[in-house]
Full PDB file with SEQRES, HELIX, SHEET, SSBOND, CRYST1, ORIGX, SCALE, CONECT and MASTER records, all heavy atoms in Angstrom:
SEQRES   1 A   39  MET ALA GLN ASN ALA THR ALA HIS ASP SER ILE LYS ASP          
SEQRES   2 A   39  VAL LEU THR GLU GLY VAL ALA GLY TYR THR ALA GLU VAL          
SEQRES   3 A   39  ILE GLY HIS GLY CYS ALA ASN GLU ALA LYS VAL TYR SER          
SHEET    1 AA1 2 SER A  10  ILE A  11  0                                        
SHEET    2 AA1 2 GLU A  25  VAL A  26 -1                                        
CRYST1    1.000    1.000    1.000  90.00  90.00  90.00 P 1           1          
ORIGX1      1.000000  0.000000  0.000000        0.00000                         
ORIGX2      0.000000  1.000000  0.000000        0.00000                         
ORIGX3      0.000000  0.000000  1.000000        0.00000                         
SCALE1      1.000000  0.000000  0.000000        0.00000                         
SCALE2      0.000000  1.000000  0.000000        0.00000                         
SCALE3      0.000000  0.000000  1.000000        0.00000                         
ATOM      1  N   MET A   1      33.031 -15.600  -1.555  1.00  0.00           N  
ATOM      2  CA  MET A   1      32.052 -14.826  -2.370  1.00  0.00           C  
ATOM      3  C   MET A   1      32.114 -13.341  -1.994  1.00  0.00           C  
ATOM      4  O   MET A   1      32.355 -12.950  -0.940  1.00  0.00           O  
ATOM      5  CB  MET A   1      30.627 -15.293  -1.970  1.00  0.00           C  
ATOM      6  CG  MET A   1      29.440 -14.500  -2.471  1.00  0.00           C  
ATOM      7  SD  MET A   1      29.508 -14.630  -4.258  1.00  0.00           S  
ATOM      8  CE  MET A   1      28.263 -13.380  -4.686  1.00  0.00           C  
ATOM      9  N   ALA A   2      32.084 -12.531  -3.027  1.00  0.00           N  
ATOM     10  CA  ALA A   2      32.214 -11.075  -2.896  1.00  0.00           C  
ATOM     11  C   ALA A   2      30.770 -10.441  -3.019  1.00  0.00           C  
ATOM     12  O   ALA A   2      29.811 -10.908  -3.701  1.00  0.00           O  
ATOM     13  CB  ALA A   2      33.110 -10.418  -3.982  1.00  0.00           C  
ATOM     14  N   GLN A   3      30.649  -9.192  -2.348  1.00  0.00           N  
ATOM     15  CA  GLN A   3      29.287  -8.550  -2.452  1.00  0.00           C  
ATOM     16  C   GLN A   3      29.356  -7.561  -3.635  1.00  0.00           C  
ATOM     17  O   GLN A   3      30.022  -6.465  -3.518  1.00  0.00           O  
ATOM     18  CB  GLN A   3      29.080  -7.698  -1.066  1.00  0.00           C  
ATOM     19  CG  GLN A   3      28.908  -8.615   0.058  1.00  0.00           C  
ATOM     20  CD  GLN A   3      28.355  -7.791   1.208  1.00  0.00           C  
ATOM     21  OE1 GLN A   3      27.339  -7.040   1.057  1.00  0.00           O  
ATOM     22  NE2 GLN A   3      28.849  -8.048   2.340  1.00  0.00           N  
ATOM     23  N   ASN A   4      28.756  -7.978  -4.754  1.00  0.00           N  
ATOM     24  CA  ASN A   4      28.722  -7.172  -5.926  1.00  0.00           C  
ATOM     25  C   ASN A   4      27.358  -6.734  -6.429  1.00  0.00           C  
ATOM     26  O   ASN A   4      27.161  -5.672  -6.985  1.00  0.00           O  
ATOM     27  CB  ASN A   4      29.411  -7.928  -7.024  1.00  0.00           C  
ATOM     28  CG  ASN A   4      30.928  -8.115  -6.805  1.00  0.00           C  
ATOM     29  OD1 ASN A   4      31.605  -7.194  -6.458  1.00  0.00           O  
ATOM     30  ND2 ASN A   4      31.437  -9.315  -6.976  1.00  0.00           N  
ATOM     31  N   ALA A   5      26.434  -7.525  -6.177  1.00  0.00           N  
ATOM     32  CA  ALA A   5      25.096  -7.300  -6.828  1.00  0.00           C  
ATOM     33  C   ALA A   5      24.168  -6.542  -5.892  1.00  0.00           C  
ATOM     34  O   ALA A   5      24.408  -6.381  -4.726  1.00  0.00           O  
ATOM     35  CB  ALA A   5      24.437  -8.646  -7.120  1.00  0.00           C  
ATOM     36  N   THR A   6      23.085  -5.928  -6.509  1.00  0.00           N  
ATOM     37  CA  THR A   6      22.267  -4.981  -5.794  1.00  0.00           C  
ATOM     38  C   THR A   6      20.748  -5.441  -5.887  1.00  0.00           C  
ATOM     39  O   THR A   6      19.956  -4.932  -5.120  1.00  0.00           O  
ATOM     40  CB  THR A   6      22.488  -3.628  -6.176  1.00  0.00           C  
ATOM     41  OG1 THR A   6      22.233  -3.455  -7.640  1.00  0.00           O  
ATOM     42  CG2 THR A   6      23.867  -3.152  -5.918  1.00  0.00           C  
ATOM     43  N   ALA A   7      20.343  -6.164  -6.922  1.00  0.00           N  
ATOM     44  CA  ALA A   7      18.899  -6.454  -7.071  1.00  0.00           C  
ATOM     45  C   ALA A   7      18.567  -7.609  -6.089  1.00  0.00           C  
ATOM     46  O   ALA A   7      19.136  -8.679  -6.235  1.00  0.00           O  
ATOM     47  CB  ALA A   7      18.709  -6.944  -8.446  1.00  0.00           C  
ATOM     48  N   HIS A   8      17.728  -7.229  -5.212  1.00  0.00           N  
ATOM     49  CA  HIS A   8      17.358  -8.211  -4.188  1.00  0.00           C  
ATOM     50  C   HIS A   8      16.273  -9.226  -4.597  1.00  0.00           C  
ATOM     51  O   HIS A   8      15.518  -8.919  -5.422  1.00  0.00           O  
ATOM     52  CB  HIS A   8      16.809  -7.466  -2.922  1.00  0.00           C  
ATOM     53  CG  HIS A   8      17.753  -6.414  -2.363  1.00  0.00           C  
ATOM     54  ND1 HIS A   8      19.136  -6.532  -2.550  1.00  0.00           N  
ATOM     55  CD2 HIS A   8      17.436  -5.300  -1.767  1.00  0.00           C  
ATOM     56  CE1 HIS A   8      19.595  -5.504  -1.974  1.00  0.00           C  
ATOM     57  NE2 HIS A   8      18.690  -4.593  -1.493  1.00  0.00           N  
ATOM     58  N   ASP A   9      16.379 -10.436  -3.924  1.00  0.00           N  
ATOM     59  CA  ASP A   9      15.172 -11.354  -4.009  1.00  0.00           C  
ATOM     60  C   ASP A   9      13.988 -10.630  -3.307  1.00  0.00           C  
ATOM     61  O   ASP A   9      14.178  -9.868  -2.463  1.00  0.00           O  
ATOM     62  CB  ASP A   9      15.555 -12.593  -3.238  1.00  0.00           C  
ATOM     63  CG  ASP A   9      16.301 -13.603  -4.167  1.00  0.00           C  
ATOM     64  OD1 ASP A   9      17.045 -13.180  -5.126  1.00  0.00           O  
ATOM     65  OD2 ASP A   9      16.190 -14.809  -3.975  1.00  0.00           O  
ATOM     66  N   SER A  10      12.824 -11.001  -3.719  1.00  0.00           N  
ATOM     67  CA  SER A  10      11.684 -10.393  -3.213  1.00  0.00           C  
ATOM     68  C   SER A  10      10.424 -11.314  -3.284  1.00  0.00           C  
ATOM     69  O   SER A  10      10.536 -12.483  -3.808  1.00  0.00           O  
ATOM     70  CB  SER A  10      11.322  -9.081  -3.928  1.00  0.00           C  
ATOM     71  OG  SER A  10      11.138  -9.455  -5.464  1.00  0.00           O  
ATOM     72  N   ILE A  11       9.301 -10.837  -2.719  1.00  0.00           N  
ATOM     73  CA  ILE A  11       8.014 -11.616  -2.823  1.00  0.00           C  
ATOM     74  C   ILE A  11       7.241 -10.893  -3.924  1.00  0.00           C  
ATOM     75  O   ILE A  11       7.010  -9.734  -3.907  1.00  0.00           O  
ATOM     76  CB  ILE A  11       7.342 -11.693  -1.525  1.00  0.00           C  
ATOM     77  CG1 ILE A  11       8.200 -12.441  -0.504  1.00  0.00           C  
ATOM     78  CG2 ILE A  11       5.998 -12.422  -1.603  1.00  0.00           C  
ATOM     79  CD1 ILE A  11       8.432 -13.891  -0.760  1.00  0.00           C  
ATOM     80  N   LYS A  12       6.526 -11.641  -4.778  1.00  0.00           N  
ATOM     81  CA  LYS A  12       5.768 -11.162  -5.845  1.00  0.00           C  
ATOM     82  C   LYS A  12       4.528 -10.264  -5.498  1.00  0.00           C  
ATOM     83  O   LYS A  12       4.299  -9.272  -6.073  1.00  0.00           O  
ATOM     84  CB  LYS A  12       5.345 -12.213  -6.782  1.00  0.00           C  
ATOM     85  CG  LYS A  12       4.688 -11.763  -8.101  1.00  0.00           C  
ATOM     86  CD  LYS A  12       4.528 -12.928  -9.159  1.00  0.00           C  
ATOM     87  CE  LYS A  12       3.369 -13.873  -8.665  1.00  0.00           C  
ATOM     88  NZ  LYS A  12       2.055 -13.180  -8.861  1.00  0.00           N  
ATOM     89  N   ASP A  13       3.874 -10.706  -4.440  1.00  0.00           N  
ATOM     90  CA  ASP A  13       2.565 -10.095  -4.175  1.00  0.00           C  
ATOM     91  C   ASP A  13       2.479  -9.607  -2.653  1.00  0.00           C  
ATOM     92  O   ASP A  13       3.133 -10.227  -1.860  1.00  0.00           O  
ATOM     93  CB  ASP A  13       1.408 -11.067  -4.287  1.00  0.00           C  
ATOM     94  CG  ASP A  13       1.393 -11.684  -5.778  1.00  0.00           C  
ATOM     95  OD1 ASP A  13       1.122 -10.875  -6.705  1.00  0.00           O  
ATOM     96  OD2 ASP A  13       1.722 -12.810  -5.912  1.00  0.00           O  
ATOM     97  N   VAL A  14       1.647  -8.562  -2.479  1.00  0.00           N  
ATOM     98  CA  VAL A  14       1.353  -8.185  -1.094  1.00  0.00           C  
ATOM     99  C   VAL A  14      -0.008  -8.859  -0.776  1.00  0.00           C  
ATOM    100  O   VAL A  14      -1.010  -8.840  -1.514  1.00  0.00           O  
ATOM    101  CB  VAL A  14       1.105  -6.681  -0.963  1.00  0.00           C  
ATOM    102  CG1 VAL A  14       0.664  -6.146   0.326  1.00  0.00           C  
ATOM    103  CG2 VAL A  14       2.536  -6.000  -1.351  1.00  0.00           C  
ATOM    104  N   LEU A  15      -0.189  -9.462   0.398  1.00  0.00           N  
ATOM    105  CA  LEU A  15      -1.369 -10.053   0.894  1.00  0.00           C  
ATOM    106  C   LEU A  15      -2.240  -9.234   1.787  1.00  0.00           C  
ATOM    107  O   LEU A  15      -1.645  -8.349   2.382  1.00  0.00           O  
ATOM    108  CB  LEU A  15      -0.983 -11.463   1.461  1.00  0.00           C  
ATOM    109  CG  LEU A  15      -0.159 -12.422   0.592  1.00  0.00           C  
ATOM    110  CD1 LEU A  15       0.195 -13.731   1.351  1.00  0.00           C  
ATOM    111  CD2 LEU A  15      -0.801 -12.626  -0.684  1.00  0.00           C  
ATOM    112  N   THR A  16      -3.389  -9.671   1.925  1.00  0.00           N  
ATOM    113  CA  THR A  16      -4.397  -8.887   2.857  1.00  0.00           C  
ATOM    114  C   THR A  16      -4.891  -9.861   3.985  1.00  0.00           C  
ATOM    115  O   THR A  16      -5.180 -11.009   3.709  1.00  0.00           O  
ATOM    116  CB  THR A  16      -5.524  -8.420   2.077  1.00  0.00           C  
ATOM    117  OG1 THR A  16      -4.986  -7.532   1.066  1.00  0.00           O  
ATOM    118  CG2 THR A  16      -6.532  -7.627   2.969  1.00  0.00           C  
ATOM    119  N   GLU A  17      -5.025  -9.264   5.147  1.00  0.00           N  
ATOM    120  CA  GLU A  17      -5.629 -10.051   6.231  1.00  0.00           C  
ATOM    121  C   GLU A  17      -7.009 -10.727   5.864  1.00  0.00           C  
ATOM    122  O   GLU A  17      -7.689 -10.167   5.216  1.00  0.00           O  
ATOM    123  CB  GLU A  17      -5.920  -9.100   7.468  1.00  0.00           C  
ATOM    124  CG  GLU A  17      -6.525  -9.769   8.619  1.00  0.00           C  
ATOM    125  CD  GLU A  17      -6.888  -8.734   9.701  1.00  0.00           C  
ATOM    126  OE1 GLU A  17      -6.830  -7.528   9.506  1.00  0.00           O  
ATOM    127  OE2 GLU A  17      -7.180  -9.178  10.816  1.00  0.00           O  
ATOM    128  N   GLY A  18      -6.990 -12.019   6.392  1.00  0.00           N  
ATOM    129  CA  GLY A  18      -8.306 -12.735   6.133  1.00  0.00           C  
ATOM    130  C   GLY A  18      -8.434 -13.431   4.796  1.00  0.00           C  
ATOM    131  O   GLY A  18      -9.332 -14.143   4.508  1.00  0.00           O  
ATOM    132  N   VAL A  19      -7.382 -13.216   3.881  1.00  0.00           N  
ATOM    133  CA  VAL A  19      -7.453 -13.782   2.509  1.00  0.00           C  
ATOM    134  C   VAL A  19      -6.248 -14.722   2.273  1.00  0.00           C  
ATOM    135  O   VAL A  19      -5.103 -14.130   2.462  1.00  0.00           O  
ATOM    136  CB  VAL A  19      -7.576 -12.704   1.554  1.00  0.00           C  
ATOM    137  CG1 VAL A  19      -7.513 -13.229   0.053  1.00  0.00           C  
ATOM    138  CG2 VAL A  19      -8.642 -11.803   1.779  1.00  0.00           C  
ATOM    139  N   ALA A  20      -6.483 -15.843   2.038  1.00  0.00           N  
ATOM    140  CA  ALA A  20      -5.346 -16.774   1.648  1.00  0.00           C  
ATOM    141  C   ALA A  20      -4.728 -16.369   0.295  1.00  0.00           C  
ATOM    142  O   ALA A  20      -5.477 -15.716  -0.549  1.00  0.00           O  
ATOM    143  CB  ALA A  20      -5.714 -18.228   1.611  1.00  0.00           C  
ATOM    144  N   GLY A  21      -3.473 -16.565   0.027  1.00  0.00           N  
ATOM    145  CA  GLY A  21      -2.968 -16.064  -1.323  1.00  0.00           C  
ATOM    146  C   GLY A  21      -1.905 -16.980  -1.783  1.00  0.00           C  
ATOM    147  O   GLY A  21      -1.204 -17.681  -1.132  1.00  0.00           O  
ATOM    148  N   TYR A  22      -1.787 -16.931  -3.218  1.00  0.00           N  
ATOM    149  CA  TYR A  22      -0.777 -17.648  -3.992  1.00  0.00           C  
ATOM    150  C   TYR A  22       0.176 -16.600  -4.371  1.00  0.00           C  
ATOM    151  O   TYR A  22      -0.261 -15.570  -4.964  1.00  0.00           O  
ATOM    152  CB  TYR A  22      -1.340 -18.371  -5.172  1.00  0.00           C  
ATOM    153  CG  TYR A  22      -2.252 -19.608  -4.798  1.00  0.00           C  
ATOM    154  CD1 TYR A  22      -3.554 -19.414  -4.593  1.00  0.00           C  
ATOM    155  CD2 TYR A  22      -1.684 -20.840  -4.706  1.00  0.00           C  
ATOM    156  CE1 TYR A  22      -4.405 -20.553  -4.283  1.00  0.00           C  
ATOM    157  CE2 TYR A  22      -2.443 -21.867  -4.400  1.00  0.00           C  
ATOM    158  CZ  TYR A  22      -3.821 -21.763  -4.185  1.00  0.00           C  
ATOM    159  OH  TYR A  22      -4.552 -22.863  -3.923  1.00  0.00           O  
ATOM    160  N   THR A  23       1.484 -16.780  -4.180  1.00  0.00           N  
ATOM    161  CA  THR A  23       2.426 -15.778  -4.476  1.00  0.00           C  
ATOM    162  C   THR A  23       3.725 -16.556  -4.880  1.00  0.00           C  
ATOM    163  O   THR A  23       3.655 -17.785  -5.062  1.00  0.00           O  
ATOM    164  CB  THR A  23       2.659 -14.758  -3.328  1.00  0.00           C  
ATOM    165  OG1 THR A  23       3.579 -13.804  -3.844  1.00  0.00           O  
ATOM    166  CG2 THR A  23       3.237 -15.461  -2.075  1.00  0.00           C  
ATOM    167  N   ALA A  24       4.808 -15.826  -4.927  1.00  0.00           N  
ATOM    168  CA  ALA A  24       6.046 -16.553  -5.343  1.00  0.00           C  
ATOM    169  C   ALA A  24       7.250 -15.664  -4.876  1.00  0.00           C  
ATOM    170  O   ALA A  24       7.221 -14.468  -4.666  1.00  0.00           O  
ATOM    171  CB  ALA A  24       6.211 -16.531  -6.891  1.00  0.00           C  
ATOM    172  N   GLU A  25       8.317 -16.375  -4.450  1.00  0.00           N  
ATOM    173  CA  GLU A  25       9.635 -15.825  -4.143  1.00  0.00           C  
ATOM    174  C   GLU A  25      10.323 -15.558  -5.491  1.00  0.00           C  
ATOM    175  O   GLU A  25      10.488 -16.337  -6.279  1.00  0.00           O  
ATOM    176  CB  GLU A  25      10.417 -16.747  -3.279  1.00  0.00           C  
ATOM    177  CG  GLU A  25      11.526 -16.005  -2.510  1.00  0.00           C  
ATOM    178  CD  GLU A  25      12.908 -16.084  -3.255  1.00  0.00           C  
ATOM    179  OE1 GLU A  25      13.032 -17.082  -4.059  1.00  0.00           O  
ATOM    180  OE2 GLU A  25      13.701 -15.234  -3.142  1.00  0.00           O  
ATOM    181  N   VAL A  26      10.765 -14.275  -5.739  1.00  0.00           N  
ATOM    182  CA  VAL A  26      11.382 -13.896  -6.917  1.00  0.00           C  
ATOM    183  C   VAL A  26      12.910 -13.830  -6.660  1.00  0.00           C  
ATOM    184  O   VAL A  26      13.540 -13.230  -5.879  1.00  0.00           O  
ATOM    185  CB  VAL A  26      10.947 -12.430  -7.334  1.00  0.00           C  
ATOM    186  CG1 VAL A  26      11.611 -11.998  -8.619  1.00  0.00           C  
ATOM    187  CG2 VAL A  26       9.452 -12.337  -7.369  1.00  0.00           C  
ATOM    188  N   ILE A  27      13.596 -14.656  -7.613  1.00  0.00           N  
ATOM    189  CA  ILE A  27      15.031 -14.666  -7.563  1.00  0.00           C  
ATOM    190  C   ILE A  27      15.514 -13.645  -8.576  1.00  0.00           C  
ATOM    191  O   ILE A  27      15.353 -13.585  -9.765  1.00  0.00           O  
ATOM    192  CB  ILE A  27      15.579 -16.072  -8.117  1.00  0.00           C  
ATOM    193  CG1 ILE A  27      15.070 -17.118  -6.998  1.00  0.00           C  
ATOM    194  CG2 ILE A  27      17.107 -16.076  -8.116  1.00  0.00           C  
ATOM    195  CD1 ILE A  27      15.454 -18.586  -7.446  1.00  0.00           C  
ATOM    196  N   GLY A  28      16.151 -12.589  -8.061  1.00  0.00           N  
ATOM    197  CA  GLY A  28      16.506 -11.429  -8.780  1.00  0.00           C  
ATOM    198  C   GLY A  28      17.737 -11.604  -9.731  1.00  0.00           C  
ATOM    199  O   GLY A  28      17.867 -11.014 -10.732  1.00  0.00           O  
ATOM    200  N   HIS A  29      18.723 -12.312  -9.220  1.00  0.00           N  
ATOM    201  CA  HIS A  29      19.886 -12.573  -9.936  1.00  0.00           C  
ATOM    202  C   HIS A  29      20.685 -13.751  -9.414  1.00  0.00           C  
ATOM    203  O   HIS A  29      20.433 -14.237  -8.281  1.00  0.00           O  
ATOM    204  CB  HIS A  29      20.819 -11.292  -9.919  1.00  0.00           C  
ATOM    205  CG  HIS A  29      21.320 -10.953  -8.578  1.00  0.00           C  
ATOM    206  ND1 HIS A  29      22.239 -11.557  -7.911  1.00  0.00           N  
ATOM    207  CD2 HIS A  29      20.895  -9.826  -7.834  1.00  0.00           C  
ATOM    208  CE1 HIS A  29      22.462 -10.993  -6.743  1.00  0.00           C  
ATOM    209  NE2 HIS A  29      21.647  -9.902  -6.724  1.00  0.00           N  
ATOM    210  N   GLY A  30      21.643 -14.300 -10.257  1.00  0.00           N  
ATOM    211  CA  GLY A  30      22.495 -15.384  -9.861  1.00  0.00           C  
ATOM    212  C   GLY A  30      23.610 -14.789  -8.918  1.00  0.00           C  
ATOM    213  O   GLY A  30      23.590 -13.741  -8.358  1.00  0.00           O  
ATOM    214  N   CYS A  31      24.778 -15.507  -8.870  1.00  0.00           N  
ATOM    215  CA  CYS A  31      25.884 -15.281  -8.052  1.00  0.00           C  
ATOM    216  C   CYS A  31      26.991 -14.663  -8.864  1.00  0.00           C  
ATOM    217  O   CYS A  31      27.471 -15.233  -9.754  1.00  0.00           O  
ATOM    218  CB  CYS A  31      26.346 -16.554  -7.342  1.00  0.00           C  
ATOM    219  SG  CYS A  31      24.996 -17.504  -6.611  1.00  0.00           S  
ATOM    220  N   ALA A  32      27.567 -13.573  -8.391  1.00  0.00           N  
ATOM    221  CA  ALA A  32      28.615 -12.881  -9.088  1.00  0.00           C  
ATOM    222  C   ALA A  32      29.937 -13.156  -8.466  1.00  0.00           C  
ATOM    223  O   ALA A  32      30.033 -13.096  -7.145  1.00  0.00           O  
ATOM    224  CB  ALA A  32      28.332 -11.350  -9.161  1.00  0.00           C  
ATOM    225  N   ASN A  33      30.969 -13.306  -9.241  1.00  0.00           N  
ATOM    226  CA  ASN A  33      32.324 -13.420  -8.583  1.00  0.00           C  
ATOM    227  C   ASN A  33      32.954 -12.070  -8.493  1.00  0.00           C  
ATOM    228  O   ASN A  33      32.253 -11.021  -8.812  1.00  0.00           O  
ATOM    229  CB  ASN A  33      33.245 -14.415  -9.374  1.00  0.00           C  
ATOM    230  CG  ASN A  33      33.417 -13.946 -10.806  1.00  0.00           C  
ATOM    231  OD1 ASN A  33      33.212 -12.817 -11.220  1.00  0.00           O  
ATOM    232  ND2 ASN A  33      33.858 -14.885 -11.569  1.00  0.00           N  
ATOM    233  N   GLU A  34      34.137 -11.933  -8.185  1.00  0.00           N  
ATOM    234  CA  GLU A  34      34.860 -10.557  -8.009  1.00  0.00           C  
ATOM    235  C   GLU A  34      34.945  -9.865  -9.398  1.00  0.00           C  
ATOM    236  O   GLU A  34      34.960  -8.541  -9.395  1.00  0.00           O  
ATOM    237  CB  GLU A  34      36.216 -10.732  -7.415  1.00  0.00           C  
ATOM    238  CG  GLU A  34      36.131 -11.135  -5.969  1.00  0.00           C  
ATOM    239  CD  GLU A  34      37.570 -11.238  -5.288  1.00  0.00           C  
ATOM    240  OE1 GLU A  34      38.544 -11.002  -5.989  1.00  0.00           O  
ATOM    241  OE2 GLU A  34      37.598 -11.640  -4.037  1.00  0.00           O  
ATOM    242  N   ALA A  35      34.922 -10.566 -10.482  1.00  0.00           N  
ATOM    243  CA  ALA A  35      34.927  -9.921 -11.826  1.00  0.00           C  
ATOM    244  C   ALA A  35      33.574  -9.650 -12.344  1.00  0.00           C  
ATOM    245  O   ALA A  35      33.376  -9.274 -13.482  1.00  0.00           O  
ATOM    246  CB  ALA A  35      35.678 -10.814 -12.790  1.00  0.00           C  
ATOM    247  N   LYS A  36      32.480  -9.836 -11.514  1.00  0.00           N  
ATOM    248  CA  LYS A  36      31.090  -9.592 -11.735  1.00  0.00           C  
ATOM    249  C   LYS A  36      30.632 -10.510 -12.903  1.00  0.00           C  
ATOM    250  O   LYS A  36      29.781 -10.040 -13.688  1.00  0.00           O  
ATOM    251  CB  LYS A  36      30.871  -8.101 -12.148  1.00  0.00           C  
ATOM    252  CG  LYS A  36      31.138  -7.171 -10.882  1.00  0.00           C  
ATOM    253  CD  LYS A  36      30.724  -5.812 -11.123  1.00  0.00           C  
ATOM    254  CE  LYS A  36      30.879  -4.962  -9.957  1.00  0.00           C  
ATOM    255  NZ  LYS A  36      30.501  -3.560 -10.005  1.00  0.00           N  
ATOM    256  N   VAL A  37      31.177 -11.695 -13.041  1.00  0.00           N  
ATOM    257  CA  VAL A  37      30.714 -12.839 -13.889  1.00  0.00           C  
ATOM    258  C   VAL A  37      29.750 -13.604 -13.064  1.00  0.00           C  
ATOM    259  O   VAL A  37      30.030 -14.090 -12.089  1.00  0.00           O  
ATOM    260  CB  VAL A  37      31.890 -13.550 -14.433  1.00  0.00           C  
ATOM    261  CG1 VAL A  37      31.250 -14.642 -15.258  1.00  0.00           C  
ATOM    262  CG2 VAL A  37      32.894 -12.697 -15.159  1.00  0.00           C  
ATOM    263  N   TYR A  38      28.460 -13.670 -13.652  1.00  0.00           N  
ATOM    264  CA  TYR A  38      27.390 -14.385 -12.905  1.00  0.00           C  
ATOM    265  C   TYR A  38      27.361 -15.955 -13.245  1.00  0.00           C  
ATOM    266  O   TYR A  38      27.606 -16.294 -14.332  1.00  0.00           O  
ATOM    267  CB  TYR A  38      26.037 -13.747 -13.397  1.00  0.00           C  
ATOM    268  CG  TYR A  38      25.886 -12.450 -12.588  1.00  0.00           C  
ATOM    269  CD1 TYR A  38      26.548 -11.236 -13.085  1.00  0.00           C  
ATOM    270  CD2 TYR A  38      25.115 -12.343 -11.487  1.00  0.00           C  
ATOM    271  CE1 TYR A  38      26.291 -10.052 -12.422  1.00  0.00           C  
ATOM    272  CE2 TYR A  38      24.946 -11.137 -10.772  1.00  0.00           C  
ATOM    273  CZ  TYR A  38      25.593  -9.987 -11.286  1.00  0.00           C  
ATOM    274  OH  TYR A  38      25.414  -8.782 -10.615  1.00  0.00           O  
ATOM    275  N   SER A  39      26.951 -16.608 -12.178  1.00  0.00           N  
ATOM    276  CA  SER A  39      26.723 -18.043 -12.340  1.00  0.00           C  
ATOM    277  C   SER A  39      25.280 -18.396 -12.032  1.00  0.00           C  
ATOM    278  O   SER A  39      24.610 -17.696 -11.334  1.00  0.00           O  
ATOM    279  CB  SER A  39      27.626 -18.864 -11.315  1.00  0.00           C  
ATOM    280  OG  SER A  39      28.952 -18.629 -11.701  1.00  0.00           O  
TER     281      SER A  39                                                      
MASTER        0    0    0    0    2    0    0    6  280    1    0    3          
END                                                                             
């Protein structure tokens, strides 16, 4: 696997102490090969 992409996975929301929260892990992009073709 080659390092081509730059958009990172992230978490959708910032939470606050004392408050339970619903959030999500954000998948920013798929997997690129050396030709920058994504899967």
